[in-house]
Amino acid sequence: MTEALRVFIVDDEAPARARMKALLADIAAEQPNVLVGEAANGVEALERLADAPADVALVDIRMPRMDGVELARHLAAAGNSPTVVFTTAYDEYAVQAFELNAVDYLVKPVRAQRLAAALEKARRAAPTARETLARLAPEARRHLSVSERGRILLVPVSEILYLKAELKYVTARTREREHLLDESLTHLEHEFASRFVRVHRNCLVAREAIAGFEKSTAEDGETHWTVLLAGLEERLPVSRRQWPAVKAAFAGEGRA
């Protein structure tokens, strides 16, 4: 017997969610499925999916607060993400040709047979890959999601001064406080290459947050460079290995 797919619906329009639920019921004999939850926007989806794991997420692209593609990127960054099937009423997106291994694409009004085909594809596909999502939306995320006290916080990337790897987590520092991210520093560096510069093997600093550099002398008598952050007393060390690249990156700006 074919195992039922756990399906989660994300759409900001209640009638659209109701129609999708009806379609899922209609095709249940052909494509066994069980609805594990629904959400009206990407933020709600992140919170609810943490407690309701899904195999497939049917995600509307245009939504307030967080669009569908950014939601999918958050899910992929968190790992163990559901296969994402995008839905939208705007068929101009279709020209991007979403005939990819792990992602399908449905234009509203969704038809039962088309939805059944998408679920069949989801059964065969691996969870959505970051590379696939990068093709769908080359832009980096605008927020990083943080799980804290049973809820999801969205931290604007524009407010992050630095990202530092510590044990199994990455600390994101804003002017107000620190946040713990369950993400890879290497992945963050790749996604936000234009915003952050690596100053140490365990630290990325926002280019706009760097006020300058200062040479310091360690207790052993060796000198090294540190990063001066605008508005913060904290200094961040620059490794010897990274200093030539850091110096070159800011040479023309008068900060190095």
Protein backbone atom coordinates (compact mmCIF):
# COMPACT_ATOMS: atom_id res chain seq x y z
CA MET A 1 0.00 0.00 0.00
CA THR A 2 1.29 3.44 -0.92
CA GLU A 3 2.20 5.48 2.15
CA ALA A 4 0.24 8.70 2.61
CA LEU A 5 2.17 11.90 1.98
CA ARG A 6 2.07 14.45 4.79
CA VAL A 7 0.97 17.70 3.13
CA PHE A 8 1.15 21.27 4.46
CA ILE A 9 -0.64 24.18 2.71
CA VAL A 10 0.66 27.77 2.77
CA ASP A 11 -1.54 30.45 1.16
CA ASP A 12 -2.68 33.86 2.36
CA GLU A 13 -6.17 33.37 0.91
CA ALA A 14 -8.55 31.17 2.92
CA PRO A 15 -10.65 30.18 -0.14
CA ALA A 16 -7.48 29.00 -1.91
CA ARG A 17 -6.54 26.85 1.09
CA ALA A 18 -10.07 25.43 1.22
CA ARG A 19 -9.97 24.56 -2.49
CA MET A 20 -6.59 22.88 -2.12
CA LYS A 21 -7.89 20.79 0.79
CA ALA A 22 -10.89 19.72 -1.31
CA LEU A 23 -8.59 18.74 -4.19
CA LEU A 24 -6.37 16.73 -1.87
CA ALA A 25 -9.44 14.84 -0.66
CA ASP A 26 -10.57 14.24 -4.25
CA ILE A 27 -7.25 12.63 -5.26
CA ALA A 28 -6.65 10.73 -2.01
CA ALA A 29 -7.46 7.37 -3.62
CA GLU A 30 -4.95 8.00 -6.42
CA GLN A 31 -2.37 9.81 -4.29
CA PRO A 32 -2.80 8.96 -0.59
CA ASN A 33 -2.22 12.07 1.50
CA VAL A 34 -2.92 13.52 4.92
CA LEU A 35 -3.11 17.22 5.72
CA VAL A 36 -0.81 17.99 8.65
CA GLY A 37 -1.38 21.74 8.79
CA GLU A 38 -1.86 25.04 7.03
CA ALA A 39 -0.67 28.64 7.34
CA ALA A 40 -1.62 32.03 5.93
CA ASN A 41 1.95 33.26 5.43
CA GLY A 42 5.58 32.20 5.53
CA VAL A 43 6.14 33.21 9.14
CA GLU A 44 3.23 31.12 10.37
CA ALA A 45 4.43 28.23 8.21
CA LEU A 46 7.90 28.24 9.77
CA GLU A 47 6.40 28.11 13.26
CA ARG A 48 3.86 25.38 12.50
CA LEU A 49 6.12 23.17 10.39
CA ALA A 50 8.47 22.92 13.36
CA ASP A 51 5.74 20.96 15.16
CA ALA A 52 4.08 19.37 12.12
CA PRO A 53 6.74 17.78 9.88
CA ALA A 54 5.60 17.45 6.27
CA ASP A 55 6.72 15.58 3.18
CA VAL A 56 5.30 18.17 0.79
CA ALA A 57 4.56 21.88 1.23
CA LEU A 58 2.13 23.49 -1.24
CA VAL A 59 3.35 27.08 -1.12
CA ASP A 60 1.85 30.18 -2.71
CA ILE A 61 4.54 32.47 -4.12
CA ARG A 62 3.01 35.91 -3.47
CA MET A 63 2.24 36.36 0.23
CA PRO A 64 2.61 39.21 2.74
CA ARG A 65 5.44 39.30 5.31
CA MET A 66 7.42 36.53 3.59
CA ASP A 67 6.93 35.27 0.03
CA GLY A 68 6.93 31.61 -0.91
CA VAL A 69 10.44 31.46 -2.34
CA GLU A 70 11.97 33.00 0.78
CA LEU A 71 10.00 30.54 2.90
CA ALA A 72 11.39 27.67 0.85
CA ARG A 73 14.92 28.95 1.33
CA HIS A 74 14.38 29.11 5.09
CA LEU A 75 13.12 25.53 5.08
CA ALA A 76 16.11 24.37 3.05
CA ALA A 77 18.55 26.18 5.35
CA ALA A 78 16.98 24.49 8.37
CA GLY A 79 17.55 21.05 6.85
CA ASN A 80 15.19 18.07 6.61
CA SER A 81 12.80 20.27 4.65
CA PRO A 82 9.69 19.15 2.78
CA THR A 83 9.62 19.06 -0.98
CA VAL A 84 8.17 22.41 -2.04
CA VAL A 85 5.51 22.67 -4.74
CA PHE A 86 4.87 26.31 -5.63
CA THR A 87 1.40 27.59 -6.49
CA THR A 88 0.40 30.98 -7.89
CA ALA A 89 -2.28 32.78 -9.86
CA TYR A 90 0.34 34.69 -11.83
CA ASP A 91 1.35 32.54 -14.78
CA GLU A 92 4.19 34.86 -15.81
CA TYR A 93 6.30 32.90 -13.33
CA ALA A 94 5.83 29.83 -15.52
CA VAL A 95 8.30 31.17 -18.08
CA GLN A 96 11.05 30.33 -15.59
CA ALA A 97 10.37 26.66 -16.44
CA PHE A 98 10.13 24.94 -13.07
CA GLU A 99 10.68 21.49 -14.58
CA LEU A 100 13.19 20.58 -11.89
CA ASN A 101 13.80 17.39 -9.97
CA ALA A 102 12.75 18.57 -6.51
CA VAL A 103 10.34 21.41 -7.26
CA ASP A 104 7.07 21.48 -9.15
CA TYR A 105 4.93 24.45 -10.09
CA LEU A 106 1.13 24.77 -10.21
CA VAL A 107 -0.80 27.64 -11.79
CA LYS A 108 -4.15 28.51 -10.17
CA PRO A 109 -6.85 27.42 -10.52
CA VAL A 110 -5.15 24.13 -9.77
CA ARG A 111 -6.68 21.06 -11.39
CA ALA A 112 -7.00 17.74 -9.59
CA GLN A 113 -4.97 15.74 -12.11
CA ARG A 114 -2.19 18.34 -12.15
CA LEU A 115 -2.01 18.24 -8.34
CA ALA A 116 -1.90 14.44 -8.41
CA ALA A 117 1.01 14.57 -10.86
CA ALA A 118 2.84 17.03 -8.59
CA LEU A 119 2.42 14.73 -5.57
CA GLU A 120 3.67 11.78 -7.60
CA LYS A 121 6.71 13.83 -8.57
CA ALA A 122 7.21 14.75 -4.91
CA ARG A 123 7.25 11.07 -3.95
CA ARG A 124 10.21 10.50 -6.26
CA ALA A 125 12.03 13.74 -5.55
CA ALA A 126 14.54 14.44 -2.83
CA PRO A 127 13.81 17.40 -0.53
CA THR A 128 14.25 20.79 -2.18
CA ALA A 129 17.93 21.56 -2.78
CA ARG A 130 19.54 24.92 -2.07
CA GLU A 131 20.94 24.96 -5.58
CA THR A 132 17.43 24.66 -7.01
CA LEU A 133 16.14 27.46 -4.81
CA ALA A 134 19.05 29.66 -5.84
CA ARG A 135 17.92 29.25 -9.44
CA LEU A 136 14.39 30.27 -8.48
CA ALA A 137 15.48 33.34 -6.54
CA PRO A 138 19.11 34.45 -6.93
CA GLU A 139 18.59 37.11 -4.27
CA ALA A 140 19.62 36.25 -0.74
CA ARG A 141 17.09 36.07 2.07
CA ARG A 142 16.05 39.32 3.71
CA HIS A 143 15.71 37.67 7.12
CA LEU A 144 17.26 34.83 9.09
CA SER A 145 14.88 32.70 11.13
CA VAL A 146 15.62 31.99 14.78
CA SER A 147 13.80 29.45 16.92
CA GLU A 148 13.43 30.90 20.39
CA ARG A 149 11.15 29.89 23.27
CA GLY A 150 8.86 27.92 21.01
CA ARG A 151 8.41 30.64 18.40
CA ILE A 152 10.12 31.81 15.23
CA LEU A 153 11.82 35.22 15.19
CA LEU A 154 12.83 36.88 11.94
CA VAL A 155 16.08 38.84 12.17
CA PRO A 156 16.59 41.34 9.32
CA VAL A 157 19.91 40.58 7.62
CA SER A 158 20.43 44.35 7.23
CA GLU A 159 20.65 44.66 11.03
CA ILE A 160 23.26 41.94 11.56
CA LEU A 161 26.73 43.28 12.36
CA TYR A 162 28.57 39.96 12.34
CA LEU A 163 28.09 36.20 12.24
CA LYS A 164 30.36 34.04 14.39
CA ALA A 165 30.55 30.25 14.49
CA GLU A 166 30.64 28.86 18.02
CA LEU A 167 30.46 25.11 18.58
CA LYS A 168 27.41 23.81 16.62
CA TYR A 169 25.67 27.20 16.29
CA VAL A 170 26.27 30.55 14.63
CA THR A 171 25.79 33.73 16.63
CA ALA A 172 24.19 36.62 14.76
CA ARG A 173 24.97 39.93 16.48
CA THR A 174 22.80 43.01 16.05
CA ARG A 175 23.19 46.28 17.94
CA GLU A 176 20.55 45.16 20.41
CA ARG A 177 21.42 41.52 21.13
CA GLU A 178 22.70 38.13 19.97
CA HIS A 179 20.70 35.40 18.24
CA LEU A 180 21.63 31.72 17.86
CA LEU A 181 21.25 30.27 14.35
CA ASP A 182 21.25 26.60 13.46
CA GLU A 183 22.95 27.26 10.11
CA SER A 184 26.34 26.75 8.49
CA LEU A 185 28.72 29.73 8.44
CA THR A 186 30.01 28.55 5.07
CA HIS A 187 26.51 28.55 3.60
CA LEU A 188 25.80 32.00 5.05
CA GLU A 189 29.04 33.31 3.54
CA HIS A 190 28.04 32.01 0.11
CA GLU A 191 24.48 33.35 0.28
CA PHE A 192 25.46 36.80 1.58
CA ALA A 193 28.83 37.23 -0.13
CA SER A 194 28.07 40.82 -1.13
CA ARG A 195 27.13 41.88 2.42
CA PHE A 196 29.65 40.09 4.65
CA VAL A 197 33.41 39.64 4.54
CA ARG A 198 35.26 36.81 6.26
CA VAL A 199 37.79 38.12 8.78
CA HIS A 200 38.50 34.82 10.52
CA ARG A 201 37.74 31.15 9.91
CA ASN A 202 34.86 31.47 12.38
CA CYS A 203 33.63 35.03 11.70
CA LEU A 204 31.91 37.07 8.97
CA VAL A 205 31.47 40.83 9.43
CA ALA A 206 29.00 43.08 7.65
CA ARG A 207 30.93 45.39 5.36
CA GLU A 208 28.77 48.37 6.33
CA ALA A 209 29.42 47.75 10.04
CA ILE A 210 33.20 48.03 9.73
CA ALA A 211 34.46 51.41 10.95
CA GLY A 212 38.13 50.56 10.51
CA PHE A 213 40.97 48.31 11.63
CA GLU A 214 43.37 48.56 14.55
CA LYS A 215 46.68 46.84 15.18
CA SER A 216 46.93 45.20 18.60
CA THR A 217 49.67 43.43 20.50
CA ALA A 218 48.90 40.12 22.13
CA GLU A 219 50.29 38.92 25.48
CA ASP A 220 52.93 36.89 23.64
CA GLY A 221 54.20 40.05 21.96
CA GLU A 222 52.79 39.23 18.51
CA THR A 223 50.83 41.88 16.68
CA HIS A 224 47.57 41.30 14.86
CA TRP A 225 44.73 43.30 13.36
CA THR A 226 41.26 43.74 14.83
CA VAL A 227 38.01 45.00 13.31
CA LEU A 228 36.48 48.19 14.71
CA LEU A 229 32.68 48.06 14.62
CA ALA A 230 30.58 51.19 14.25
CA GLY A 231 28.68 51.82 17.47
CA LEU A 232 30.18 48.90 19.42
CA GLU A 233 33.14 48.68 21.77
CA GLU A 234 33.72 45.05 20.84
CA ARG A 235 36.76 44.23 18.68
CA LEU A 236 36.95 41.22 16.38
CA PRO A 237 40.28 39.60 15.50
CA VAL A 238 41.40 39.31 11.89
CA SER A 239 43.39 36.15 11.23
CA ARG A 240 46.76 36.35 9.51
CA ARG A 241 45.41 34.20 6.73
CA GLN A 242 42.45 36.52 6.05
CA TRP A 243 44.20 39.87 6.51
CA PRO A 244 45.54 40.22 2.93
CA ALA A 245 42.06 39.63 1.48
CA VAL A 246 40.41 41.91 4.04
CA LYS A 247 42.96 44.66 3.42
CA ALA A 248 42.49 44.39 -0.33
CA ALA A 249 38.68 44.52 0.02
CA PHE A 250 38.78 47.84 1.89
CA ALA A 251 41.93 49.42 0.47
CA GLY A 252 40.03 51.81 -1.74
CA GLU A 253 37.66 52.91 1.01
CA GLY A 254 40.16 54.33 3.47
CA ARG A 255 39.29 51.80 6.15
CA ALA A 256 42.35 49.57 5.76
